[in-house]
């Protein structure tokens, strides 16, 4: 029997009230941070971030990280927890977040998980799929192709060979594209076929809340957020990070576009429009991921970001079901 299974049995035996993780997910700029803080204050509990870009101390403005006032409003974990030069995997996050929840649940029955990185949410709530080992020469060849020809041909190959995963992945994230293609080339099978959704028992239950909005309104929020980021000093932040632009952690929307400008490839106006466009596309992919990735044995319940009272009612309804 696994350690997690034993803990689940112990909690059921010795503590009739289940430990609950409120999972707040949704696309960028939809209002997850504000809602998570409201819920954390209501339940007097901690917040864990599942936004992989907000882990990095050096990336503040471009990741829409909670500001000092928001961070002070409730205990936060995994914000500013890493340097951009640190190697950190989803598996590392799963391990660290489970340990953090174990600590939190010794004194509180509730915690909030918030973010838009679907795979990080899945890792914590359900566990990770097991993928085959890939020969080093396959990885080296893909890196060579990325360096010589750029990401576009590799994106096209992924779309052709695994359309299902292509529609879900943040295709501007070169690491994820390379990872999927390495498995495809090494095995001759789709990357999606290894996503078996085997569930690892957890000593807590998850209540899944996905935020939704009219798409045009969301896109307007995204465009406005980019404008506000620029006013807040995003360009200075990008300039400071430019010498380290090849780092894996910086291969993300809001930074790569301005790196291209500083490389002389595109104008400032083009870079700004690209950030807005790529942010909108990223939001669309996030919505697709959450729509297609229903949790095992559960489902996403959809709310507007300002539906605080309705969400609390849902939690209370779930509480009554297990009494």
C-alpha atoms as a PDB file:
ATOM      1  CA  UNK A   1       0.000   0.000   0.000  1.00  0.00           C
ATOM      2  CA  UNK A   2       1.352   3.447  -0.917  1.00  0.00           C
ATOM      3  CA  UNK A   3       2.121   6.124   1.665  1.00  0.00           C
ATOM      4  CA  UNK A   4      -0.623   8.341   0.233  1.00  0.00           C
ATOM      5  CA  UNK A   5      -3.149   5.495   0.489  1.00  0.00           C
ATOM      6  CA  UNK A   6      -2.225   4.909   4.135  1.00  0.00           C
ATOM      7  CA  UNK A   7      -2.623   8.612   4.879  1.00  0.00           C
ATOM      8  CA  UNK A   8      -6.000   8.655   3.181  1.00  0.00           C
ATOM      9  CA  UNK A   9      -7.162   5.742   5.366  1.00  0.00           C
ATOM     10  CA  UNK A  10      -5.796   7.388   8.516  1.00  0.00           C
ATOM     11  CA  UNK A  11      -7.629  10.627   7.746  1.00  0.00           C
ATOM     12  CA  UNK A  12     -10.854   8.753   7.114  1.00  0.00           C
ATOM     13  CA  UNK A  13     -10.475   6.726  10.310  1.00  0.00           C
ATOM     14  CA  UNK A  14      -9.347   9.388  12.737  1.00  0.00           C
ATOM     15  CA  UNK A  15     -10.809  12.576  11.298  1.00  0.00           C
ATOM     16  CA  UNK A  16     -14.330  12.303   9.854  1.00  0.00           C
ATOM     17  CA  UNK A  17     -14.154  15.745   8.290  1.00  0.00           C
ATOM     18  CA  UNK A  18     -12.243  15.467   5.007  1.00  0.00           C
ATOM     19  CA  UNK A  19      -9.406  17.745   4.070  1.00  0.00           C
ATOM     20  CA  UNK A  20     -10.465  19.885   1.135  1.00  0.00           C
ATOM     21  CA  UNK A  21      -8.475  21.533  -1.637  1.00  0.00           C
ATOM     22  CA  UNK A  22     -10.431  24.232  -3.479  1.00  0.00           C
ATOM     23  CA  UNK A  23      -9.028  24.265  -7.011  1.00  0.00           C
ATOM     24  CA  UNK A  24      -9.476  27.625  -8.770  1.00  0.00           C
ATOM     25  CA  UNK A  25      -8.496  27.392 -12.435  1.00  0.00           C
ATOM     26  CA  UNK A  26      -9.077  29.240 -15.675  1.00  0.00           C
ATOM     27  CA  UNK A  27      -7.406  31.305 -18.384  1.00  0.00           C
ATOM     28  CA  UNK A  28      -5.030  34.170 -17.840  1.00  0.00           C
ATOM     29  CA  UNK A  29      -6.494  37.542 -16.773  1.00  0.00           C
ATOM     30  CA  UNK A  30      -9.896  36.128 -15.788  1.00  0.00           C
ATOM     31  CA  UNK A  31      -9.666  37.049 -12.092  1.00  0.00           C
ATOM     32  CA  UNK A  32      -8.335  33.930 -10.363  1.00  0.00           C
ATOM     33  CA  UNK A  33      -6.074  35.780  -7.905  1.00  0.00           C
ATOM     34  CA  UNK A  34      -8.802  37.998  -6.463  1.00  0.00           C
ATOM     35  CA  UNK A  35     -11.215  35.097  -6.018  1.00  0.00           C
ATOM     36  CA  UNK A  36      -8.559  32.882  -4.426  1.00  0.00           C
ATOM     37  CA  UNK A  37      -7.766  35.575  -1.857  1.00  0.00           C
ATOM     38  CA  UNK A  38     -11.464  36.026  -1.076  1.00  0.00           C
ATOM     39  CA  UNK A  39     -11.837  32.296  -0.465  1.00  0.00           C
ATOM     40  CA  UNK A  40      -8.636  32.080   1.588  1.00  0.00           C
ATOM     41  CA  UNK A  41      -9.839  34.915   3.817  1.00  0.00           C
ATOM     42  CA  UNK A  42     -13.290  33.346   4.140  1.00  0.00           C
ATOM     43  CA  UNK A  43     -11.911  29.943   5.156  1.00  0.00           C
ATOM     44  CA  UNK A  44      -8.867  31.406   6.959  1.00  0.00           C
ATOM     45  CA  UNK A  45      -6.556  29.185   4.947  1.00  0.00           C
ATOM     46  CA  UNK A  46      -3.465  29.186   2.739  1.00  0.00           C
ATOM     47  CA  UNK A  47      -3.091  29.558  -1.028  1.00  0.00           C
ATOM     48  CA  UNK A  48      -0.848  27.390  -3.209  1.00  0.00           C
ATOM     49  CA  UNK A  49       0.072  28.706  -6.646  1.00  0.00           C
ATOM     50  CA  UNK A  50      -0.239  26.454  -9.674  1.00  0.00           C
ATOM     51  CA  UNK A  51       1.013  29.117 -12.076  1.00  0.00           C
ATOM     52  CA  UNK A  52       4.423  27.817 -13.110  1.00  0.00           C
ATOM     53  CA  UNK A  53       5.589  31.235 -14.362  1.00  0.00           C
ATOM     54  CA  UNK A  54       4.968  32.888 -11.004  1.00  0.00           C
ATOM     55  CA  UNK A  55       7.421  30.565  -9.253  1.00  0.00           C
ATOM     56  CA  UNK A  56      10.347  32.675 -10.498  1.00  0.00           C
ATOM     57  CA  UNK A  57      11.575  35.610  -8.427  1.00  0.00           C
ATOM     58  CA  UNK A  58      12.963  37.532 -11.413  1.00  0.00           C
ATOM     59  CA  UNK A  59       9.710  37.438 -13.390  1.00  0.00           C
ATOM     60  CA  UNK A  60       7.187  39.783 -11.788  1.00  0.00           C
ATOM     61  CA  UNK A  61       5.404  42.122 -14.149  1.00  0.00           C
ATOM     62  CA  UNK A  62       5.195  39.831 -17.178  1.00  0.00           C
ATOM     63  CA  UNK A  63       3.693  36.995 -15.141  1.00  0.00           C
ATOM     64  CA  UNK A  64       0.979  39.135 -13.512  1.00  0.00           C
ATOM     65  CA  UNK A  65       2.237  37.989 -10.134  1.00  0.00           C
ATOM     66  CA  UNK A  66       0.168  39.031  -7.078  1.00  0.00           C
ATOM     67  CA  UNK A  67       1.399  42.355  -5.745  1.00  0.00           C
ATOM     68  CA  UNK A  68       2.648  42.977  -2.207  1.00  0.00           C
ATOM     69  CA  UNK A  69      -0.814  43.894  -0.926  1.00  0.00           C
ATOM     70  CA  UNK A  70      -2.358  40.741  -2.389  1.00  0.00           C
ATOM     71  CA  UNK A  71       0.427  38.545  -1.026  1.00  0.00           C
ATOM     72  CA  UNK A  72      -0.121  40.050   2.419  1.00  0.00           C
ATOM     73  CA  UNK A  73      -3.873  39.376   2.269  1.00  0.00           C
ATOM     74  CA  UNK A  74      -3.434  35.598   2.702  1.00  0.00           C
ATOM     75  CA  UNK A  75      -0.544  33.151   3.126  1.00  0.00           C
ATOM     76  CA  UNK A  76       0.842  32.235  -0.314  1.00  0.00           C
ATOM     77  CA  UNK A  77       3.113  29.346  -1.286  1.00  0.00           C
ATOM     78  CA  UNK A  78       5.194  28.755  -4.449  1.00  0.00           C
ATOM     79  CA  UNK A  79       5.268  32.435  -5.393  1.00  0.00           C
ATOM     80  CA  UNK A  80       8.897  33.619  -5.767  1.00  0.00           C
ATOM     81  CA  UNK A  81      10.057  30.153  -4.727  1.00  0.00           C
ATOM     82  CA  UNK A  82      12.654  29.719  -7.501  1.00  0.00           C
ATOM     83  CA  UNK A  83      15.283  31.523  -9.531  1.00  0.00           C
ATOM     84  CA  UNK A  84      15.004  31.454 -13.328  1.00  0.00           C
ATOM     85  CA  UNK A  85      18.238  29.450 -13.333  1.00  0.00           C
ATOM     86  CA  UNK A  86      16.829  26.674 -11.123  1.00  0.00           C
ATOM     87  CA  UNK A  87      15.917  23.348 -12.697  1.00  0.00           C
ATOM     88  CA  UNK A  88      12.417  22.446 -11.563  1.00  0.00           C
ATOM     89  CA  UNK A  89      10.021  19.889 -13.004  1.00  0.00           C
ATOM     90  CA  UNK A  90       6.337  19.130 -12.646  1.00  0.00           C
ATOM     91  CA  UNK A  91       7.400  16.088 -10.639  1.00  0.00           C
ATOM     92  CA  UNK A  92       9.324  18.346  -8.265  1.00  0.00           C
ATOM     93  CA  UNK A  93       6.222  20.481  -7.875  1.00  0.00           C
ATOM     94  CA  UNK A  94       4.023  17.464  -7.178  1.00  0.00           C
ATOM     95  CA  UNK A  95       6.372  16.339  -4.403  1.00  0.00           C
ATOM     96  CA  UNK A  96       6.801  19.791  -2.853  1.00  0.00           C
ATOM     97  CA  UNK A  97       3.126  20.747  -3.055  1.00  0.00           C
ATOM     98  CA  UNK A  98       1.996  17.471  -1.485  1.00  0.00           C
ATOM     99  CA  UNK A  99       4.422  18.066   1.397  1.00  0.00           C
ATOM    100  CA  UNK A 100       3.167  21.643   1.811  1.00  0.00           C
ATOM    101  CA  UNK A 101      -0.454  20.465   1.883  1.00  0.00           C
ATOM    102  CA  UNK A 102       0.411  17.817   4.457  1.00  0.00           C
ATOM    103  CA  UNK A 103       1.804  20.588   6.689  1.00  0.00           C
ATOM    104  CA  UNK A 104      -1.185  22.884   6.084  1.00  0.00           C
ATOM    105  CA  UNK A 105      -3.736  20.159   6.790  1.00  0.00           C
ATOM    106  CA  UNK A 106      -2.304  19.518  10.253  1.00  0.00           C
ATOM    107  CA  UNK A 107      -3.924  22.776  11.396  1.00  0.00           C
ATOM    108  CA  UNK A 108      -6.559  23.544   8.763  1.00  0.00           C
ATOM    109  CA  UNK A 109      -9.164  21.488   6.936  1.00  0.00           C
ATOM    110  CA  UNK A 110      -9.093  23.663   3.804  1.00  0.00           C
ATOM    111  CA  UNK A 111      -6.558  25.056   1.335  1.00  0.00           C
ATOM    112  CA  UNK A 112      -6.846  26.879  -2.000  1.00  0.00           C
ATOM    113  CA  UNK A 113      -4.963  25.939  -5.171  1.00  0.00           C
ATOM    114  CA  UNK A 114      -5.002  28.609  -7.873  1.00  0.00           C
ATOM    115  CA  UNK A 115      -3.484  28.862 -11.334  1.00  0.00           C
ATOM    116  CA  UNK A 116      -3.763  28.345 -15.031  1.00  0.00           C
ATOM    117  CA  UNK A 117      -1.079  25.678 -15.505  1.00  0.00           C
ATOM    118  CA  UNK A 118      -3.301  22.659 -16.018  1.00  0.00           C
ATOM    119  CA  UNK A 119      -0.586  20.019 -15.811  1.00  0.00           C
ATOM    120  CA  UNK A 120       0.583  21.351 -12.443  1.00  0.00           C
ATOM    121  CA  UNK A 121      -2.970  21.174 -11.122  1.00  0.00           C
ATOM    122  CA  UNK A 122      -3.316  17.621 -12.419  1.00  0.00           C
ATOM    123  CA  UNK A 123       0.033  16.622 -10.903  1.00  0.00           C
ATOM    124  CA  UNK A 124      -1.007  17.740  -7.435  1.00  0.00           C
ATOM    125  CA  UNK A 125      -4.597  16.505  -7.523  1.00  0.00           C
ATOM    126  CA  UNK A 126      -4.225  13.232  -9.436  1.00  0.00           C
ATOM    127  CA  UNK A 127      -0.555  12.428 -10.018  1.00  0.00           C
ATOM    128  CA  UNK A 128       1.515  12.306 -13.187  1.00  0.00           C
ATOM    129  CA  UNK A 129       1.389   9.931 -16.123  1.00  0.00           C
ATOM    130  CA  UNK A 130       4.447   7.749 -16.769  1.00  0.00           C
ATOM    131  CA  UNK A 131       6.217   8.396 -20.086  1.00  0.00           C
ATOM    132  CA  UNK A 132       8.896   6.251 -21.749  1.00  0.00           C
ATOM    133  CA  UNK A 133      12.568   7.128 -21.635  1.00  0.00           C
ATOM    134  CA  UNK A 134      13.769   8.918 -24.758  1.00  0.00           C
ATOM    135  CA  UNK A 135      17.233   8.238 -26.248  1.00  0.00           C
ATOM    136  CA  UNK A 136      19.575  11.188 -25.852  1.00  0.00           C
ATOM    137  CA  UNK A 137      20.234  11.371 -29.600  1.00  0.00           C
ATOM    138  CA  UNK A 138      16.534  12.104 -30.231  1.00  0.00           C
ATOM    139  CA  UNK A 139      16.624  15.007 -27.782  1.00  0.00           C
ATOM    140  CA  UNK A 140      19.858  16.353 -29.289  1.00  0.00           C
ATOM    141  CA  UNK A 141      18.428  16.215 -32.812  1.00  0.00           C
ATOM    142  CA  UNK A 142      15.316  18.128 -31.780  1.00  0.00           C
ATOM    143  CA  UNK A 143      17.386  20.789 -30.041  1.00  0.00           C
ATOM    144  CA  UNK A 144      19.464  21.138 -33.213  1.00  0.00           C
ATOM    145  CA  UNK A 145      16.350  21.557 -35.353  1.00  0.00           C
ATOM    146  CA  UNK A 146      14.956  24.155 -32.962  1.00  0.00           C
ATOM    147  CA  UNK A 147      18.186  26.145 -33.111  1.00  0.00           C
ATOM    148  CA  UNK A 148      18.540  25.943 -36.895  1.00  0.00           C
ATOM    149  CA  UNK A 149      14.940  26.310 -38.076  1.00  0.00           C
ATOM    150  CA  UNK A 150      12.991  27.726 -35.140  1.00  0.00           C
ATOM    151  CA  UNK A 151       9.853  26.449 -33.476  1.00  0.00           C
ATOM    152  CA  UNK A 152       7.371  26.731 -36.373  1.00  0.00           C
ATOM    153  CA  UNK A 153       8.349  23.493 -38.228  1.00  0.00           C
ATOM    154  CA  UNK A 154       8.287  21.557 -34.956  1.00  0.00           C
ATOM    155  CA  UNK A 155       4.842  22.939 -34.118  1.00  0.00           C
ATOM    156  CA  UNK A 156       3.654  21.824 -37.563  1.00  0.00           C
ATOM    157  CA  UNK A 157       5.043  18.323 -36.984  1.00  0.00           C
ATOM    158  CA  UNK A 158       3.316  18.065 -33.619  1.00  0.00           C
ATOM    159  CA  UNK A 159       0.034  19.225 -35.160  1.00  0.00           C
ATOM    160  CA  UNK A 160       0.339  16.574 -37.868  1.00  0.00           C
ATOM    161  CA  UNK A 161       1.344  13.691 -35.587  1.00  0.00           C
ATOM    162  CA  UNK A 162      -0.687  14.436 -32.450  1.00  0.00           C
ATOM    163  CA  UNK A 163      -3.475  16.903 -33.087  1.00  0.00           C
ATOM    164  CA  UNK A 164      -5.098  16.141 -29.730  1.00  0.00           C
ATOM    165  CA  UNK A 165      -2.065  17.248 -27.731  1.00  0.00           C
ATOM    166  CA  UNK A 166      -1.342  20.132 -30.104  1.00  0.00           C
ATOM    167  CA  UNK A 167      -4.760  21.671 -29.394  1.00  0.00           C
ATOM    168  CA  UNK A 168      -4.077  21.576 -25.636  1.00  0.00           C
ATOM    169  CA  UNK A 169      -0.409  22.488 -25.284  1.00  0.00           C
ATOM    170  CA  UNK A 170       0.977  26.015 -25.033  1.00  0.00           C
ATOM    171  CA  UNK A 171       2.675  25.718 -28.409  1.00  0.00           C
ATOM    172  CA  UNK A 172       4.795  28.804 -27.726  1.00  0.00           C
ATOM    173  CA  UNK A 173       6.446  26.782 -24.951  1.00  0.00           C
ATOM    174  CA  UNK A 174       9.247  25.149 -26.926  1.00  0.00           C
ATOM    175  CA  UNK A 175      10.130  22.777 -24.085  1.00  0.00           C
ATOM    176  CA  UNK A 176       6.704  21.134 -24.114  1.00  0.00           C
ATOM    177  CA  UNK A 177       6.685  20.864 -27.906  1.00  0.00           C
ATOM    178  CA  UNK A 178      10.126  19.231 -27.869  1.00  0.00           C
ATOM    179  CA  UNK A 179       9.122  16.880 -25.046  1.00  0.00           C
ATOM    180  CA  UNK A 180       6.054  15.665 -26.946  1.00  0.00           C
ATOM    181  CA  UNK A 181       7.946  15.246 -30.225  1.00  0.00           C
ATOM    182  CA  UNK A 182      10.772  13.373 -28.508  1.00  0.00           C
ATOM    183  CA  UNK A 183       8.284  10.763 -27.259  1.00  0.00           C
ATOM    184  CA  UNK A 184       6.555  10.578 -30.652  1.00  0.00           C
ATOM    185  CA  UNK A 185       9.801  10.100 -32.564  1.00  0.00           C
ATOM    186  CA  UNK A 186      11.206   7.596 -30.079  1.00  0.00           C
ATOM    187  CA  UNK A 187       8.108   5.402 -29.889  1.00  0.00           C
ATOM    188  CA  UNK A 188       6.133   5.988 -33.069  1.00  0.00           C
ATOM    189  CA  UNK A 189       3.098   6.607 -30.883  1.00  0.00           C
ATOM    190  CA  UNK A 190       1.295   9.833 -30.038  1.00  0.00           C
ATOM    191  CA  UNK A 191       2.255  11.696 -26.902  1.00  0.00           C
ATOM    192  CA  UNK A 192      -1.449  11.679 -25.970  1.00  0.00           C
ATOM    193  CA  UNK A 193      -1.517   7.879 -25.879  1.00  0.00           C
ATOM    194  CA  UNK A 194       0.765   7.858 -22.823  1.00  0.00           C
ATOM    195  CA  UNK A 195      -1.530  10.162 -20.896  1.00  0.00           C
ATOM    196  CA  UNK A 196      -3.324   7.285 -19.214  1.00  0.00           C
ATOM    197  CA  UNK A 197      -4.841   9.297 -16.372  1.00  0.00           C
ATOM    198  CA  UNK A 198      -3.888   6.708 -13.751  1.00  0.00           C
ATOM    199  CA  UNK A 199      -4.920   8.327 -10.490  1.00  0.00           C
ATOM    200  CA  UNK A 200      -2.693   8.385  -7.426  1.00  0.00           C
ATOM    201  CA  UNK A 201      -4.742   8.307  -4.195  1.00  0.00           C
ATOM    202  CA  UNK A 202      -4.661  11.607  -2.305  1.00  0.00           C
ATOM    203  CA  UNK A 203      -5.408  12.135   1.405  1.00  0.00           C
ATOM    204  CA  UNK A 204      -7.695  15.041   0.536  1.00  0.00           C
ATOM    205  CA  UNK A 205     -10.594  15.746  -1.796  1.00  0.00           C
ATOM    206  CA  UNK A 206     -10.638  18.380  -4.519  1.00  0.00           C
ATOM    207  CA  UNK A 207     -13.485  20.701  -5.418  1.00  0.00           C
ATOM    208  CA  UNK A 208     -12.858  21.852  -8.991  1.00  0.00           C
ATOM    209  CA  UNK A 209     -13.897  25.415  -9.868  1.00  0.00           C
ATOM    210  CA  UNK A 210     -13.191  26.767 -13.359  1.00  0.00           C
ATOM    211  CA  UNK A 211     -13.703  30.448 -14.092  1.00  0.00           C
ATOM    212  CA  UNK A 212     -15.387  31.440 -17.306  1.00  0.00           C
ATOM    213  CA  UNK A 213     -16.213  34.667 -19.099  1.00  0.00           C
ATOM    214  CA  UNK A 214     -17.519  36.023 -22.354  1.00  0.00           C
ATOM    215  CA  UNK A 215     -14.605  35.519 -24.711  1.00  0.00           C
ATOM    216  CA  UNK A 216     -14.580  39.048 -26.118  1.00  0.00           C
ATOM    217  CA  UNK A 217     -14.594  40.529 -22.624  1.00  0.00           C
ATOM    218  CA  UNK A 218     -11.733  38.240 -21.637  1.00  0.00           C
ATOM    219  CA  UNK A 219      -9.706  39.281 -24.673  1.00  0.00           C
ATOM    220  CA  UNK A 220     -10.322  42.929 -23.797  1.00  0.00           C
ATOM    221  CA  UNK A 221      -9.045  42.217 -20.259  1.00  0.00           C
ATOM    222  CA  UNK A 222      -5.945  40.573 -21.697  1.00  0.00           C
ATOM    223  CA  UNK A 223      -5.185  43.513 -23.995  1.00  0.00           C
ATOM    224  CA  UNK A 224      -5.689  45.969 -21.138  1.00  0.00           C
ATOM    225  CA  UNK A 225      -3.490  43.900 -18.837  1.00  0.00           C
ATOM    226  CA  UNK A 226      -0.624  44.036 -21.352  1.00  0.00           C
ATOM    227  CA  UNK A 227      -0.982  47.824 -21.569  1.00  0.00           C
ATOM    228  CA  UNK A 228      -0.855  48.066 -17.777  1.00  0.00           C
ATOM    229  CA  UNK A 229       2.199  45.794 -17.668  1.00  0.00           C
ATOM    230  CA  UNK A 230       3.998  48.143 -20.033  1.00  0.00           C
ATOM    231  CA  UNK A 231       3.059  51.121 -17.856  1.00  0.00           C
ATOM    232  CA  UNK A 232       4.373  49.225 -14.820  1.00  0.00           C
ATOM    233  CA  UNK A 233       7.808  48.734 -16.385  1.00  0.00           C
ATOM    234  CA  UNK A 234       7.636  45.448 -18.276  1.00  0.00           C
ATOM    235  CA  UNK A 235      10.241  46.558 -20.820  1.00  0.00           C
ATOM    236  CA  UNK A 236      12.790  47.253 -18.091  1.00  0.00           C
ATOM    237  CA  UNK A 237      12.112  43.828 -16.607  1.00  0.00           C
ATOM    238  CA  UNK A 238      12.629  42.173 -20.001  1.00  0.00           C
ATOM    239  CA  UNK A 239      15.850  44.149 -20.608  1.00  0.00           C
ATOM    240  CA  UNK A 240      17.248  42.918 -17.299  1.00  0.00           C
ATOM    241  CA  UNK A 241      16.462  39.322 -18.300  1.00  0.00           C
ATOM    242  CA  UNK A 242      17.622  39.649 -21.926  1.00  0.00           C
ATOM    243  CA  UNK A 243      21.183  38.352 -21.296  1.00  0.00           C
ATOM    244  CA  UNK A 244      19.660  35.096 -20.019  1.00  0.00           C
ATOM    245  CA  UNK A 245      16.984  34.824 -22.712  1.00  0.00           C
ATOM    246  CA  UNK A 246      17.967  31.250 -23.643  1.00  0.00           C
ATOM    247  CA  UNK A 247      16.929  29.877 -20.241  1.00  0.00           C
ATOM    248  CA  UNK A 248      14.018  27.426 -20.293  1.00  0.00           C
ATOM    249  CA  UNK A 249      12.098  29.501 -17.751  1.00  0.00           C
ATOM    250  CA  UNK A 250      12.084  32.519 -20.076  1.00  0.00           C
ATOM    251  CA  UNK A 251      10.616  30.693 -23.072  1.00  0.00           C
ATOM    252  CA  UNK A 252       7.193  32.146 -22.439  1.00  0.00           C
ATOM    253  CA  UNK A 253       4.642  34.681 -23.646  1.00  0.00           C
ATOM    254  CA  UNK A 254       5.379  38.250 -22.608  1.00  0.00           C
ATOM    255  CA  UNK A 255       9.139  37.819 -22.740  1.00  0.00           C
ATOM    256  CA  UNK A 256      10.009  36.005 -25.966  1.00  0.00           C
ATOM    257  CA  UNK A 257       8.296  38.645 -28.100  1.00  0.00           C
ATOM    258  CA  UNK A 258      10.342  41.487 -26.619  1.00  0.00           C
ATOM    259  CA  UNK A 259      13.522  39.427 -26.858  1.00  0.00           C
ATOM    260  CA  UNK A 260      12.866  39.304 -30.626  1.00  0.00           C
ATOM    261  CA  UNK A 261      12.538  43.088 -30.626  1.00  0.00           C
ATOM    262  CA  UNK A 262      15.830  43.515 -28.782  1.00  0.00           C
ATOM    263  CA  UNK A 263      17.407  41.081 -31.281  1.00  0.00           C
ATOM    264  CA  UNK A 264      16.300  43.470 -34.034  1.00  0.00           C
ATOM    265  CA  UNK A 265      13.875  41.008 -35.615  1.00  0.00           C
ATOM    266  CA  UNK A 266      10.645  42.973 -35.078  1.00  0.00           C
ATOM    267  CA  UNK A 267       9.584  46.504 -34.135  1.00  0.00           C
ATOM    268  CA  UNK A 268       8.359  47.505 -30.694  1.00  0.00           C
ATOM    269  CA  UNK A 269       4.830  47.888 -32.018  1.00  0.00           C
ATOM    270  CA  UNK A 270       4.954  44.401 -33.512  1.00  0.00           C
ATOM    271  CA  UNK A 271       6.265  42.980 -30.241  1.00  0.00           C
ATOM    272  CA  UNK A 272       3.426  44.526 -28.246  1.00  0.00           C
ATOM    273  CA  UNK A 273       0.813  43.216 -30.657  1.00  0.00           C
ATOM    274  CA  UNK A 274       2.444  39.787 -30.570  1.00  0.00           C
ATOM    275  CA  UNK A 275       2.295  39.713 -26.764  1.00  0.00           C
ATOM    276  CA  UNK A 276      -1.407  40.537 -26.881  1.00  0.00           C
ATOM    277  CA  UNK A 277      -2.115  38.027 -29.635  1.00  0.00           C
ATOM    278  CA  UNK A 278      -0.093  35.239 -28.035  1.00  0.00           C
ATOM    279  CA  UNK A 279      -1.675  35.930 -24.640  1.00  0.00           C
ATOM    280  CA  UNK A 280      -5.135  35.606 -26.193  1.00  0.00           C
ATOM    281  CA  UNK A 281      -4.110  32.369 -27.897  1.00  0.00           C
ATOM    282  CA  UNK A 282      -2.668  31.076 -24.628  1.00  0.00           C
ATOM    283  CA  UNK A 283      -5.969  31.839 -22.879  1.00  0.00           C
ATOM    284  CA  UNK A 284      -7.835  29.945 -25.599  1.00  0.00           C
ATOM    285  CA  UNK A 285      -5.564  26.919 -25.147  1.00  0.00           C
ATOM    286  CA  UNK A 286      -6.061  27.051 -21.387  1.00  0.00           C
ATOM    287  CA  UNK A 287      -9.833  27.018 -21.816  1.00  0.00           C
ATOM    288  CA  UNK A 288      -9.544  24.085 -24.230  1.00  0.00           C
ATOM    289  CA  UNK A 289      -7.356  22.160 -21.785  1.00  0.00           C
ATOM    290  CA  UNK A 290      -9.735  22.531 -18.845  1.00  0.00           C
ATOM    291  CA  UNK A 291     -12.724  21.715 -21.041  1.00  0.00           C
ATOM    292  CA  UNK A 292     -11.088  18.520 -22.333  1.00  0.00           C
ATOM    293  CA  UNK A 293      -9.385  17.399 -19.122  1.00  0.00           C
ATOM    294  CA  UNK A 294     -12.205  16.574 -16.746  1.00  0.00           C
ATOM    295  CA  UNK A 295     -10.839  15.323 -13.396  1.00  0.00           C
ATOM    296  CA  UNK A 296     -11.265  11.614 -12.758  1.00  0.00           C
ATOM    297  CA  UNK A 297     -14.446  10.975 -10.796  1.00  0.00           C
ATOM    298  CA  UNK A 298     -15.284  14.687 -10.687  1.00  0.00           C
ATOM    299  CA  UNK A 299     -15.987  17.604 -12.963  1.00  0.00           C
ATOM    300  CA  UNK A 300     -15.178  21.263 -13.368  1.00  0.00           C
ATOM    301  CA  UNK A 301     -17.943  23.505 -12.085  1.00  0.00           C
ATOM    302  CA  UNK A 302     -18.038  26.776 -14.002  1.00  0.00           C
ATOM    303  CA  UNK A 303     -18.507  30.211 -12.436  1.00  0.00           C
ATOM    304  CA  UNK A 304     -17.853  33.861 -13.171  1.00  0.00           C
ATOM    305  CA  UNK A 305     -14.984  35.383 -11.196  1.00  0.00           C
ATOM    306  CA  UNK A 306     -17.425  37.449  -9.113  1.00  0.00           C
ATOM    307  CA  UNK A 307     -19.605  34.455  -8.148  1.00  0.00           C
ATOM    308  CA  UNK A 308     -18.083  34.249  -4.667  1.00  0.00           C
ATOM    309  CA  UNK A 309     -21.364  33.508  -2.870  1.00  0.00           C
ATOM    310  CA  UNK A 310     -22.310  30.801  -5.366  1.00  0.00           C
ATOM    311  CA  UNK A 311     -18.918  29.162  -4.968  1.00  0.00           C
ATOM    312  CA  UNK A 312     -19.187  29.175  -1.162  1.00  0.00           C
ATOM    313  CA  UNK A 313     -22.632  27.596  -1.513  1.00  0.00           C
ATOM    314  CA  UNK A 314     -21.133  24.862  -3.685  1.00  0.00           C
ATOM    315  CA  UNK A 315     -18.454  24.161  -1.078  1.00  0.00           C
ATOM    316  CA  UNK A 316     -21.077  23.993   1.671  1.00  0.00           C
ATOM    317  CA  UNK A 317     -23.145  21.626  -0.487  1.00  0.00           C
ATOM    318  CA  UNK A 318     -20.111  19.362  -0.923  1.00  0.00           C
ATOM    319  CA  UNK A 319     -19.481  19.509   2.822  1.00  0.00           C
ATOM    320  CA  UNK A 320     -23.015  18.339   3.564  1.00  0.00           C
ATOM    321  CA  UNK A 321     -22.614  15.379   1.220  1.00  0.00           C
ATOM    322  CA  UNK A 322     -19.837  13.869   3.338  1.00  0.00           C
ATOM    323  CA  UNK A 323     -21.324  14.486   6.785  1.00  0.00           C
END
